Amino acid sequence: MSWTRVAAISALSLMLGQAAFAAPWRCPASLTPHGDSHRLNNASLFDGPPGEMADLIPIPSGAYDRWDVRNADPYLVCKYAGTDKIITLHAQGAARCQAGGQPFQAVCEK
């Protein structure tokens, strides 16, 4: 493999890695365990692992709840209609999170 090709692959890998790192943490719009589809209908935010029960209180803002998480270790817990299954996202490094709207969405961003 030529050095030019190695350099191009390395540069592409670095760019893709940075893009993935900069992407927001977003609850999937639906969950499909065993073929049944369940839509996202609620979310919670915790400072630290959810098992520690440090549920953060949102700041209501119209159709969305918002959280400033710059001084927290945020965990976004995604909840789905018709199931007790959840998805937990460790949003380490996020500065703000919001949840709400129609359809319901939950996201944390830098």
N, C-alpha and C. Protein backbone atom coordinates (compact mmCIF):
# COMPACT_ATOMS: atom_id res chain seq x y z
N MET A 1 0.86 -1.17 0.00
CA MET A 1 0.00 0.00 0.00
C MET A 1 0.90 1.23 0.00
N SER A 2 0.59 2.19 -0.84
CA SER A 2 1.43 3.38 -0.95
C SER A 2 1.23 4.30 0.26
N TRP A 3 2.24 5.14 0.52
CA TRP A 3 2.16 6.10 1.63
C TRP A 3 1.01 7.07 1.42
N THR A 4 0.72 7.44 0.18
CA THR A 4 -0.38 8.36 -0.10
C THR A 4 -1.71 7.73 0.33
N ARG A 5 -1.87 6.45 0.01
CA ARG A 5 -3.11 5.78 0.38
C ARG A 5 -3.20 5.61 1.90
N VAL A 6 -2.11 5.29 2.55
CA VAL A 6 -2.09 5.17 4.02
C VAL A 6 -2.44 6.51 4.65
N ALA A 7 -1.88 7.59 4.14
CA ALA A 7 -2.17 8.93 4.67
C ALA A 7 -3.64 9.29 4.46
N ALA A 8 -4.18 8.96 3.30
CA ALA A 8 -5.59 9.27 3.02
C ALA A 8 -6.51 8.49 3.95
N ILE A 9 -6.22 7.21 4.16
CA ILE A 9 -7.04 6.38 5.05
C ILE A 9 -6.93 6.90 6.48
N SER A 10 -5.73 7.27 6.91
CA SER A 10 -5.54 7.80 8.26
C SER A 10 -6.31 9.10 8.45
N ALA A 11 -6.25 9.99 7.46
CA ALA A 11 -6.96 11.27 7.54
C ALA A 11 -8.47 11.04 7.60
N LEU A 12 -8.98 10.12 6.78
CA LEU A 12 -10.41 9.82 6.78
C LEU A 12 -10.84 9.23 8.13
N SER A 13 -10.05 8.33 8.67
CA SER A 13 -10.36 7.74 9.97
C SER A 13 -10.40 8.80 11.05
N LEU A 14 -9.45 9.73 11.03
CA LEU A 14 -9.41 10.80 12.02
C LEU A 14 -10.64 11.69 11.90
N MET A 15 -11.03 12.06 10.66
CA MET A 15 -12.20 12.91 10.46
C MET A 15 -13.47 12.20 10.93
N LEU A 16 -13.62 10.91 10.59
CA LEU A 16 -14.80 10.16 11.01
C LEU A 16 -14.84 10.01 12.52
N GLY A 17 -13.71 9.79 13.13
CA GLY A 17 -13.64 9.68 14.58
C GLY A 17 -14.04 10.97 15.26
N GLN A 18 -13.58 12.10 14.74
CA GLN A 18 -13.95 13.40 15.31
C GLN A 18 -15.42 13.68 15.09
N ALA A 19 -15.96 13.33 13.94
CA ALA A 19 -17.38 13.56 13.66
C ALA A 19 -18.24 12.74 14.61
N ALA A 20 -17.86 11.49 14.85
CA ALA A 20 -18.63 10.66 15.77
C ALA A 20 -18.54 11.20 17.18
N PHE A 21 -17.39 11.70 17.59
CA PHE A 21 -17.20 12.22 18.93
C PHE A 21 -18.02 13.49 19.13
N ALA A 22 -18.17 14.30 18.09
CA ALA A 22 -18.88 15.57 18.21
C ALA A 22 -20.39 15.41 18.08
N ALA A 23 -20.85 14.23 17.66
CA ALA A 23 -22.28 14.02 17.45
C ALA A 23 -23.03 14.08 18.78
N PRO A 24 -24.30 14.51 18.74
CA PRO A 24 -25.08 14.55 19.97
C PRO A 24 -25.48 13.14 20.41
N TRP A 25 -25.87 13.04 21.67
CA TRP A 25 -26.43 11.81 22.20
C TRP A 25 -27.93 11.95 22.03
N ARG A 26 -28.53 11.05 21.26
CA ARG A 26 -29.95 11.16 20.92
C ARG A 26 -30.65 9.83 21.19
N CYS A 27 -31.80 9.92 21.86
CA CYS A 27 -32.61 8.71 22.05
C CYS A 27 -33.13 8.25 20.69
N PRO A 28 -33.04 6.97 20.40
CA PRO A 28 -33.66 6.47 19.17
C PRO A 28 -35.17 6.73 19.19
N ALA A 29 -35.75 7.05 18.06
CA ALA A 29 -37.17 7.38 17.96
C ALA A 29 -38.06 6.20 18.30
N SER A 30 -37.55 4.99 18.12
CA SER A 30 -38.34 3.81 18.46
C SER A 30 -37.42 2.68 18.90
N LEU A 31 -38.02 1.73 19.57
CA LEU A 31 -37.32 0.56 20.07
C LEU A 31 -38.09 -0.64 19.53
N THR A 32 -37.39 -1.64 19.01
CA THR A 32 -38.06 -2.77 18.40
C THR A 32 -37.54 -4.09 18.97
N PRO A 33 -37.90 -4.40 20.22
CA PRO A 33 -37.50 -5.70 20.76
C PRO A 33 -38.45 -6.79 20.25
N HIS A 34 -37.92 -7.89 19.81
CA HIS A 34 -38.72 -9.04 19.36
C HIS A 34 -39.71 -8.67 18.26
N GLY A 35 -39.37 -7.68 17.41
CA GLY A 35 -40.22 -7.32 16.29
C GLY A 35 -41.34 -6.35 16.59
N ASP A 36 -41.60 -6.06 17.87
CA ASP A 36 -42.65 -5.09 18.25
C ASP A 36 -42.03 -3.71 18.33
N SER A 37 -42.65 -2.73 17.68
CA SER A 37 -42.12 -1.37 17.67
C SER A 37 -42.77 -0.53 18.78
N HIS A 38 -41.93 0.18 19.53
CA HIS A 38 -42.40 1.06 20.61
C HIS A 38 -41.77 2.43 20.38
N ARG A 39 -42.60 3.48 20.40
CA ARG A 39 -42.09 4.82 20.13
C ARG A 39 -41.60 5.49 21.42
N LEU A 40 -40.61 6.33 21.25
CA LEU A 40 -40.07 7.11 22.37
C LEU A 40 -41.18 8.02 22.90
N ASN A 41 -41.41 7.98 24.21
CA ASN A 41 -42.47 8.83 24.76
C ASN A 41 -42.08 9.57 26.03
N ASN A 42 -40.87 9.34 26.55
CA ASN A 42 -40.43 10.04 27.75
C ASN A 42 -38.93 9.87 27.91
N ALA A 43 -38.34 10.73 28.72
CA ALA A 43 -36.90 10.63 29.00
C ALA A 43 -36.63 11.25 30.36
N SER A 44 -35.61 10.77 31.00
CA SER A 44 -35.14 11.32 32.27
C SER A 44 -33.65 11.59 32.15
N LEU A 45 -33.17 12.47 33.00
CA LEU A 45 -31.75 12.77 33.00
C LEU A 45 -31.23 12.64 34.42
N PHE A 46 -30.09 11.98 34.57
CA PHE A 46 -29.50 11.73 35.88
C PHE A 46 -28.09 12.28 35.93
N ASP A 47 -27.68 12.72 37.12
CA ASP A 47 -26.29 13.10 37.37
C ASP A 47 -25.62 11.88 37.97
N GLY A 48 -24.92 11.15 37.13
CA GLY A 48 -24.33 9.88 37.54
C GLY A 48 -25.22 8.74 37.09
N PRO A 49 -24.78 7.50 37.30
CA PRO A 49 -25.56 6.34 36.88
C PRO A 49 -26.97 6.38 37.46
N PRO A 50 -27.99 6.02 36.67
CA PRO A 50 -29.37 6.09 37.13
C PRO A 50 -29.63 5.31 38.42
N GLY A 51 -28.89 4.26 38.67
CA GLY A 51 -29.06 3.48 39.90
C GLY A 51 -28.78 4.29 41.16
N GLU A 52 -28.04 5.39 41.02
CA GLU A 52 -27.77 6.26 42.17
C GLU A 52 -28.93 7.20 42.44
N MET A 53 -29.92 7.22 41.56
CA MET A 53 -31.17 7.98 41.70
C MET A 53 -30.99 9.48 41.88
N ALA A 54 -30.01 10.07 41.20
CA ALA A 54 -29.82 11.52 41.23
C ALA A 54 -30.51 12.14 40.02
N ASP A 55 -31.85 12.03 40.00
CA ASP A 55 -32.68 12.53 38.91
C ASP A 55 -32.59 14.05 38.87
N LEU A 56 -32.26 14.61 37.70
CA LEU A 56 -32.14 16.06 37.57
C LEU A 56 -33.49 16.68 37.23
N ILE A 57 -33.78 17.81 37.82
CA ILE A 57 -35.04 18.53 37.59
C ILE A 57 -34.86 19.39 36.33
N PRO A 58 -35.77 19.25 35.35
CA PRO A 58 -35.65 20.05 34.13
C PRO A 58 -36.13 21.49 34.34
N ILE A 59 -35.70 22.34 33.44
CA ILE A 59 -36.17 23.72 33.38
C ILE A 59 -37.21 23.75 32.25
N PRO A 60 -38.51 23.91 32.58
CA PRO A 60 -39.52 23.93 31.52
C PRO A 60 -39.29 25.10 30.57
N SER A 61 -39.44 24.83 29.29
CA SER A 61 -39.23 25.86 28.28
C SER A 61 -40.16 25.59 27.10
N GLY A 62 -41.41 25.97 27.23
CA GLY A 62 -42.37 25.73 26.15
C GLY A 62 -42.65 24.25 25.98
N ALA A 63 -42.50 23.76 24.76
CA ALA A 63 -42.78 22.37 24.45
C ALA A 63 -41.66 21.43 24.88
N TYR A 64 -40.56 21.98 25.39
CA TYR A 64 -39.39 21.17 25.76
C TYR A 64 -39.00 21.40 27.21
N ASP A 65 -38.46 20.36 27.83
CA ASP A 65 -37.76 20.50 29.10
C ASP A 65 -36.29 20.59 28.76
N ARG A 66 -35.56 21.42 29.49
CA ARG A 66 -34.13 21.62 29.22
C ARG A 66 -33.33 21.44 30.50
N TRP A 67 -32.09 20.98 30.32
CA TRP A 67 -31.16 20.82 31.43
C TRP A 67 -29.82 21.41 31.03
N ASP A 68 -29.20 22.14 31.95
CA ASP A 68 -27.81 22.59 31.80
C ASP A 68 -26.99 21.56 32.57
N VAL A 69 -26.16 20.80 31.87
CA VAL A 69 -25.44 19.69 32.51
C VAL A 69 -23.93 19.88 32.48
N ARG A 70 -23.48 21.12 32.36
CA ARG A 70 -22.03 21.38 32.29
C ARG A 70 -21.31 20.92 33.55
N ASN A 71 -21.97 20.93 34.69
CA ASN A 71 -21.34 20.53 35.95
C ASN A 71 -21.88 19.19 36.45
N ALA A 72 -22.31 18.34 35.52
CA ALA A 72 -22.88 17.05 35.88
C ALA A 72 -22.21 15.94 35.07
N ASP A 73 -22.47 14.72 35.46
CA ASP A 73 -22.06 13.54 34.71
C ASP A 73 -23.36 12.94 34.15
N PRO A 74 -23.87 13.49 33.02
CA PRO A 74 -25.24 13.17 32.58
C PRO A 74 -25.43 11.79 31.98
N TYR A 75 -26.52 11.17 32.40
CA TYR A 75 -27.00 9.92 31.82
C TYR A 75 -28.42 10.17 31.34
N LEU A 76 -28.66 10.02 30.05
CA LEU A 76 -29.97 10.22 29.44
C LEU A 76 -30.66 8.86 29.36
N VAL A 77 -31.83 8.75 29.98
CA VAL A 77 -32.58 7.50 30.00
C VAL A 77 -33.79 7.66 29.09
N CYS A 78 -33.83 6.86 28.03
CA CYS A 78 -34.87 6.92 27.01
C CYS A 78 -35.94 5.88 27.35
N LYS A 79 -37.22 6.33 27.38
CA LYS A 79 -38.33 5.46 27.76
C LYS A 79 -39.31 5.36 26.59
N TYR A 80 -39.90 4.18 26.44
CA TYR A 80 -40.71 3.87 25.27
C TYR A 80 -42.12 3.40 25.66
N ALA A 81 -43.11 3.79 24.86
CA ALA A 81 -44.51 3.44 25.11
C ALA A 81 -44.71 1.93 24.96
N GLY A 82 -45.47 1.35 25.90
CA GLY A 82 -45.86 -0.04 25.79
C GLY A 82 -44.81 -1.06 26.16
N THR A 83 -43.71 -0.62 26.80
CA THR A 83 -42.67 -1.55 27.22
C THR A 83 -41.92 -0.96 28.42
N ASP A 84 -41.33 -1.83 29.20
CA ASP A 84 -40.50 -1.36 30.31
C ASP A 84 -39.03 -1.31 29.91
N LYS A 85 -38.73 -1.63 28.65
CA LYS A 85 -37.36 -1.56 28.14
C LYS A 85 -36.94 -0.10 28.02
N ILE A 86 -35.71 0.19 28.34
CA ILE A 86 -35.16 1.55 28.25
C ILE A 86 -33.81 1.50 27.56
N ILE A 87 -33.34 2.65 27.13
CA ILE A 87 -31.99 2.81 26.62
C ILE A 87 -31.34 3.90 27.46
N THR A 88 -30.16 3.64 27.97
CA THR A 88 -29.43 4.62 28.78
C THR A 88 -28.18 5.05 28.02
N LEU A 89 -28.03 6.36 27.85
CA LEU A 89 -26.88 6.93 27.15
C LEU A 89 -26.06 7.75 28.12
N HIS A 90 -24.77 7.45 28.24
CA HIS A 90 -23.88 8.25 29.07
C HIS A 90 -23.41 9.43 28.22
N ALA A 91 -23.97 10.59 28.48
CA ALA A 91 -23.70 11.79 27.67
C ALA A 91 -22.52 12.57 28.25
N GLN A 92 -21.44 11.87 28.51
CA GLN A 92 -20.24 12.47 29.10
C GLN A 92 -19.72 13.58 28.19
N GLY A 93 -19.54 14.76 28.77
CA GLY A 93 -19.04 15.90 28.01
C GLY A 93 -20.14 16.78 27.45
N ALA A 94 -21.40 16.40 27.63
CA ALA A 94 -22.50 17.24 27.14
C ALA A 94 -22.61 18.51 27.97
N ALA A 95 -23.11 19.57 27.36
CA ALA A 95 -23.31 20.84 28.06
C ALA A 95 -24.79 21.10 28.32
N ARG A 96 -25.65 20.57 27.45
CA ARG A 96 -27.09 20.82 27.59
C ARG A 96 -27.86 19.63 27.01
N CYS A 97 -29.05 19.43 27.56
CA CYS A 97 -29.94 18.38 27.09
C CYS A 97 -31.35 18.95 27.01
N GLN A 98 -32.17 18.35 26.16
CA GLN A 98 -33.56 18.75 26.08
C GLN A 98 -34.40 17.56 25.66
N ALA A 99 -35.68 17.60 26.07
CA ALA A 99 -36.62 16.53 25.73
C ALA A 99 -37.99 17.14 25.55
N GLY A 100 -38.75 16.62 24.58
CA GLY A 100 -40.11 17.07 24.36
C GLY A 100 -40.43 17.14 22.89
N GLY A 101 -41.48 17.90 22.57
CA GLY A 101 -41.89 18.10 21.19
C GLY A 101 -42.80 17.01 20.68
N GLN A 102 -43.23 17.17 19.45
CA GLN A 102 -44.09 16.21 18.75
C GLN A 102 -43.49 15.93 17.39
N PRO A 103 -43.02 14.76 17.08
CA PRO A 103 -42.94 13.62 17.97
C PRO A 103 -41.90 13.87 19.07
N PHE A 104 -42.03 13.14 20.17
CA PHE A 104 -41.16 13.30 21.32
C PHE A 104 -39.71 12.99 20.92
N GLN A 105 -38.78 13.84 21.36
CA GLN A 105 -37.36 13.65 21.12
C GLN A 105 -36.60 13.96 22.39
N ALA A 106 -35.44 13.37 22.55
CA ALA A 106 -34.56 13.66 23.68
C ALA A 106 -33.12 13.63 23.16
N VAL A 107 -32.37 14.70 23.48
CA VAL A 107 -31.01 14.81 22.95
C VAL A 107 -30.14 15.60 23.92
N CYS A 108 -28.87 15.25 23.98
CA CYS A 108 -27.86 16.00 24.72
C CYS A 108 -26.78 16.40 23.73
N GLU A 109 -26.26 17.63 23.89
CA GLU A 109 -25.26 18.16 22.97
C GLU A 109 -24.14 18.83 23.75
N LYS A 110 -23.02 18.97 23.07
CA LYS A 110 -21.86 19.68 23.64
C LYS A 110 -22.10 21.16 23.62
